[in-house]
Protein backbone atom coordinates (compact mmCIF):
# COMPACT_ATOMS: atom_id res chain seq x y z
CA MET A 1 7.55 -23.69 9.34
CA GLU A 2 9.04 -22.67 6.00
CA LEU A 3 6.57 -22.93 3.02
CA THR A 4 7.82 -24.50 -0.21
CA THR A 5 7.92 -22.27 -3.20
CA THR A 6 4.57 -23.91 -4.45
CA GLU A 7 2.81 -23.32 -1.33
CA SER A 8 3.98 -19.63 -1.07
CA VAL A 9 2.66 -19.26 -4.64
CA VAL A 10 -0.81 -20.51 -3.72
CA GLY A 11 -0.76 -18.46 -0.51
CA ALA A 12 0.00 -15.47 -2.26
CA LEU A 13 -2.85 -16.06 -4.74
CA LEU A 14 -5.32 -16.41 -1.68
CA LEU A 15 -3.83 -13.07 -0.19
CA ALA A 16 -4.02 -11.38 -3.57
CA ALA A 17 -7.75 -12.36 -3.93
CA VAL A 18 -8.44 -11.26 -0.60
CA LEU A 19 -6.82 -7.71 -1.48
CA ALA A 20 -8.73 -7.70 -4.67
CA GLY A 21 -12.10 -8.35 -2.93
CA LEU A 22 -11.26 -5.64 -0.42
CA HIS A 23 -10.70 -3.14 -3.35
CA LEU A 24 -14.15 -4.03 -4.80
CA ALA A 25 -15.77 -3.93 -1.53
CA ALA A 26 -14.25 -0.59 -0.10
CA PRO A 27 -17.08 1.62 -0.52
CA HIS A 28 -19.33 -0.74 1.54
CA ILE A 29 -16.52 -1.34 4.10
CA ARG A 30 -16.28 2.52 4.53
CA ARG A 31 -20.22 2.62 5.27
CA LEU A 32 -20.63 -0.20 7.61
CA PRO A 33 -24.05 -0.08 9.35
CA LEU A 34 -23.96 1.81 12.75
CA VAL A 35 -20.24 2.62 12.31
CA PRO A 36 -19.46 6.30 11.33
CA GLU A 37 -17.15 6.37 8.27
CA ARG A 38 -14.65 8.51 10.26
CA ALA A 39 -14.21 5.55 12.73
CA THR A 40 -13.41 3.06 10.02
CA ALA A 41 -11.08 5.55 8.40
CA SER A 42 -9.22 6.48 11.62
CA PHE A 43 -8.91 2.91 12.78
CA ALA A 44 -7.48 2.05 9.40
CA GLY A 45 -5.04 4.94 9.65
CA GLY A 46 -3.78 3.98 13.18
CA LEU A 47 -2.99 0.41 11.93
CA ALA A 48 -1.38 1.47 8.81
CA VAL A 49 0.95 4.07 10.60
CA ALA A 50 1.79 1.23 13.35
CA TYR A 51 2.82 -0.91 10.20
CA VAL A 52 5.01 1.70 8.85
CA PHE A 53 6.89 2.63 12.00
CA LEU A 54 7.13 -0.96 13.05
CA HIS A 55 7.68 -3.07 9.95
CA LEU A 56 8.02 -0.98 6.74
CA LEU A 57 11.01 1.21 7.73
CA PRO A 58 13.03 -1.70 9.52
CA GLU A 59 12.38 -3.62 6.48
CA ILE A 60 13.79 -0.86 4.35
CA ALA A 61 16.69 -0.83 6.43
CA GLU A 62 17.21 -4.57 6.54
CA GLY A 63 17.18 -4.38 2.55
CA ASN A 64 19.84 -1.70 2.86
CA GLU A 65 22.22 -4.44 4.31
CA ALA A 66 21.36 -6.73 1.46
CA VAL A 67 22.13 -4.00 -1.11
CA GLY A 68 25.60 -3.46 0.73
CA GLU A 69 26.28 -7.25 0.58
CA ALA A 70 25.27 -7.48 -3.18
CA LEU A 71 27.54 -4.62 -4.19
CA ASP A 72 30.56 -5.54 -1.92
CA ASP A 73 32.41 -7.09 -4.79
CA VAL A 74 31.45 -4.40 -7.30
CA VAL A 75 32.08 -1.25 -5.59
CA GLU A 76 33.78 -0.05 -2.17
CA THR A 77 31.09 0.45 0.48
CA THR A 78 30.94 4.01 1.54
CA PRO A 79 28.32 6.14 3.60
CA LEU A 80 27.09 7.29 0.21
CA VAL A 81 26.40 3.90 -1.24
CA ASP A 82 24.68 3.15 2.09
CA LEU A 83 22.23 5.79 1.37
CA GLY A 84 21.31 4.13 -1.91
CA ILE A 85 18.17 2.05 -0.88
CA PHE A 86 16.84 5.16 1.04
CA VAL A 87 17.27 7.32 -2.13
CA VAL A 88 14.98 4.75 -3.89
CA ALA A 89 12.27 5.00 -1.23
CA LEU A 90 12.52 8.65 -1.38
CA ALA A 91 12.02 8.46 -5.12
CA GLY A 92 9.11 6.52 -4.76
CA PHE A 93 7.61 8.91 -2.27
CA ALA A 94 8.40 11.84 -4.55
CA ALA A 95 6.92 10.26 -7.61
CA PHE A 96 3.51 9.68 -5.88
CA TYR A 97 3.47 13.03 -4.38
CA GLY A 98 4.00 14.35 -7.92
CA LEU A 99 1.22 12.33 -9.22
CA GLN A 100 -1.06 13.61 -6.21
CA ARG A 101 -0.18 17.39 -6.99
CA LEU A 102 -0.92 16.74 -10.50
CA ALA A 103 -4.39 15.33 -9.73
CA ASP A 104 -5.18 17.96 -7.23
CA GLU A 105 -4.27 20.82 -9.75
CA ARG A 106 -5.98 19.15 -13.09
CA ALA A 107 -8.84 17.24 -11.41
CA PRO A 108 -9.77 18.96 -7.93
CA ALA A 109 -11.71 16.73 -5.47
CA ALA A 110 -15.51 16.90 -6.18
CA SER A 111 -17.51 19.28 -4.14
CA ARG A 112 -20.75 17.90 -2.69
CA VAL A 113 -24.03 19.35 -3.42
CA PRO A 114 -26.57 19.35 -0.73
CA ASP A 115 -27.94 15.93 -1.04
CA GLY A 116 -24.66 14.53 -0.89
CA ARG A 117 -23.97 13.46 -4.43
CA PRO A 118 -20.78 14.65 -5.96
CA ALA A 119 -21.07 17.84 -8.18
CA THR A 120 -20.14 17.78 -11.91
CA VAL A 121 -16.40 18.53 -12.12
CA GLU A 122 -13.86 18.14 -14.93
CA GLU A 123 -12.03 14.94 -14.86
CA PRO A 124 -9.19 14.85 -17.49
CA ALA A 125 -8.92 11.49 -19.05
CA GLY A 126 -4.93 11.73 -19.34
CA VAL A 127 -4.55 12.64 -15.74
CA TYR A 128 -7.16 10.30 -14.61
CA TRP A 129 -5.32 7.31 -16.41
CA LEU A 130 -1.88 8.30 -15.28
CA HIS A 131 -3.02 8.43 -11.55
CA LEU A 132 -4.83 5.32 -11.93
CA GLY A 133 -1.98 3.64 -13.64
CA SER A 134 0.48 4.45 -10.77
CA PHE A 135 -1.97 2.84 -8.42
CA MET A 136 -2.01 -0.13 -10.78
CA VAL A 137 1.58 -0.62 -10.73
CA TYR A 138 1.64 0.17 -6.90
CA ASN A 139 -0.61 -2.63 -6.41
CA ALA A 140 1.13 -5.17 -8.73
CA LEU A 141 4.26 -4.54 -6.88
CA ILE A 142 2.65 -5.28 -3.60
CA THR A 143 1.44 -8.92 -5.03
CA TYR A 144 4.74 -9.53 -6.92
CA THR A 145 6.73 -9.74 -3.54
CA MET A 146 3.81 -11.39 -1.73
CA ALA A 147 5.13 -15.08 -2.12
CA LEU A 148 8.63 -14.01 -0.91
CA ARG A 149 6.82 -12.35 2.12
CA LEU A 150 5.01 -15.71 2.92
CA ARG A 151 8.44 -17.74 2.70
CA THR A 152 10.08 -15.15 4.97
CA GLY A 153 7.14 -15.34 7.79
CA VAL A 154 3.29 -16.29 7.12
CA ALA A 155 2.49 -14.19 9.99
CA PHE A 156 3.93 -11.03 8.78
CA ALA A 157 2.67 -11.61 5.46
CA VAL A 158 -0.95 -12.02 6.78
CA LEU A 159 -0.46 -8.89 8.87
CA PHE A 160 0.92 -6.79 5.88
CA THR A 161 -2.20 -8.05 3.87
CA VAL A 162 -4.26 -6.62 6.54
CA ALA A 163 -2.57 -3.43 6.75
CA MET A 164 -2.66 -2.97 2.85
CA GLY A 165 -6.28 -4.24 2.72
CA LEU A 166 -7.52 -1.35 5.05
CA HIS A 167 -5.22 1.08 3.54
CA PHE A 168 -6.94 0.33 -0.02
CA VAL A 169 -10.24 1.20 1.87
CA LEU A 170 -8.81 4.65 2.29
CA THR A 171 -7.06 5.24 -1.20
CA ASP A 172 -10.53 4.21 -2.64
CA ARG A 173 -12.26 7.19 -0.91
CA SER A 174 -9.39 9.63 -2.12
CA LEU A 175 -9.73 8.22 -5.74
CA GLU A 176 -13.51 8.34 -5.79
CA GLU A 177 -13.51 11.94 -4.72
CA HIS A 178 -11.21 13.05 -7.52
CA TYR A 179 -12.78 11.07 -10.06
CA PRO A 180 -16.56 10.31 -9.16
CA ARG A 181 -17.53 9.66 -12.56
CA ARG A 182 -14.59 7.47 -13.95
CA PHE A 183 -13.35 5.53 -10.84
CA PRO A 184 -16.46 3.81 -9.77
CA GLY A 185 -16.87 2.00 -13.16
CA SER A 186 -13.18 1.29 -14.31
CA GLY A 187 -11.20 2.17 -11.49
CA ARG A 188 -11.83 -0.54 -8.79
CA PRO A 189 -11.80 -3.33 -11.25
CA LEU A 190 -8.64 -2.43 -12.77
CA LEU A 191 -6.99 -1.85 -9.33
CA ALA A 192 -8.29 -5.31 -8.47
CA GLY A 193 -6.92 -6.87 -11.49
CA ALA A 194 -3.46 -5.44 -10.86
CA LEU A 195 -3.27 -7.13 -7.88
CA LEU A 196 -3.99 -10.46 -9.44
CA ALA A 197 -1.53 -9.50 -12.45
CA GLY A 198 1.26 -8.92 -9.97
CA TRP A 199 0.81 -12.42 -8.58
CA LEU A 200 0.78 -13.76 -12.12
CA LEU A 201 3.78 -12.06 -12.72
CA ASP A 202 5.61 -13.57 -9.70
CA ALA A 203 4.19 -17.07 -10.47
CA VAL A 204 5.62 -17.01 -13.98
CA LEU A 205 8.74 -14.72 -13.43
CA ALA A 206 9.54 -14.78 -9.82
CA PRO A 207 12.40 -12.43 -8.46
CA THR A 208 15.54 -14.09 -7.60
CA SER A 209 17.87 -11.08 -7.15
CA THR A 210 18.40 -10.19 -3.52
CA LEU A 211 19.32 -6.78 -4.82
CA LEU A 212 16.14 -6.49 -7.18
CA VAL A 213 13.72 -7.44 -4.35
CA ALA A 214 15.39 -4.70 -1.93
CA LEU A 215 14.97 -2.01 -4.42
CA LEU A 216 11.35 -2.98 -5.20
CA THR A 217 10.55 -3.02 -1.41
CA ALA A 218 12.43 0.45 -1.11
CA GLY A 219 10.39 1.93 -4.00
CA LEU A 220 7.10 0.46 -2.83
CA GLY A 221 8.01 1.56 0.69
CA GLY A 222 8.27 5.28 -0.25
CA SER A 223 4.88 5.25 -2.02
CA ILE A 224 3.26 3.53 1.01
CA LEU A 225 4.89 6.27 3.23
CA LEU A 226 3.19 8.97 1.27
CA ASN A 227 -0.11 7.11 0.94
CA VAL A 228 -0.42 6.27 4.37
CA PHE A 229 0.13 9.73 5.78
CA LYS A 230 -1.71 11.45 3.05
CA GLU A 231 -4.85 9.14 3.39
CA GLU A 232 -4.78 7.89 7.01
CA LEU A 233 -4.14 11.19 8.75
CA PRO A 234 -7.29 13.12 7.49
CA ALA A 235 -8.27 16.49 8.57
CA THR A 236 -9.74 16.50 12.04
CA ARG A 237 -13.31 16.77 10.94
CA ARG A 238 -12.85 13.50 9.21
CA SER A 239 -11.04 11.61 11.82
CA SER A 240 -11.41 10.33 15.56
CA TYR A 241 -8.19 9.92 17.45
CA ARG A 242 -9.77 7.52 19.75
CA TRP A 243 -10.23 5.16 16.85
CA PHE A 244 -6.84 6.10 15.24
CA LEU A 245 -5.16 5.04 18.62
CA THR A 246 -6.96 1.88 18.78
CA GLY A 247 -5.81 0.80 15.53
CA LEU A 248 -2.38 1.86 16.04
CA VAL A 249 -2.18 0.06 19.55
CA LEU A 250 -3.94 -3.08 18.48
CA TYR A 251 -1.69 -3.46 15.34
CA ALA A 252 1.56 -2.73 17.12
CA GLY A 253 0.62 -5.28 19.78
CA LEU A 254 0.01 -7.96 17.14
CA LEU A 255 3.29 -7.08 15.63
CA ALA A 256 5.04 -7.50 18.69
CA LEU A 257 3.41 -10.71 19.44
CA VAL A 258 4.42 -12.12 15.99
CA THR A 259 7.95 -10.70 16.44
CA ALA A 260 8.59 -12.18 19.61
CA SER A 261 7.25 -15.77 18.36
CA GLY A 262 9.81 -15.52 15.46
CA GLY A 263 7.25 -14.55 12.47
């Protein structure tokens, strides 16, 4: 069943609200009673990695075809032009990697004192707001294209929301470790607000260009690739391969079922 424009916008608002709620609840989700944090982190990691390989990468490749069709009347299609969408994805990857390096160098992750509280560390305001601002743009792009995802396939959009929601739980941990004083008070509400702002922008000014959507998806895809592998494949002492494999197999199975049923 294909959704109308109004239905997809309303559905996108619901999914954006779910994602915003997960942002705000991230520290509680990471510390579920009777469930070690390494288990929840690894489960989320396996799920997100399955999403990257089985849905995100094919989506970027599909966007490359759309770019080729959009540019067919403007420039001659060549192997170099065919690389265009992947160059955008690579740029998104490199941009977020650069920001992460800057954060690591200027505001190293907090060390822990014996009782588990973060030790006092320097948190440069400029680096913090640059880092947080990049994630706000990242979040806004996710919900800006959500209505379009719903019109493409409701089941795929819901699975995308699940993957991104659990992914947010892990990025929340990283940001809190880098900025233990600043992030809990201002970071989570702003990231949640960016999700709703992305939806509002879509409701007011929805993307109409196939080329624009493909480029936004590619740039977002490169950022997701970096964040997934950085956050969801943590050091051995902080991970559980069993839970990682459980999340990966479960999500791969769900994607396979949705694909077989036509989305």
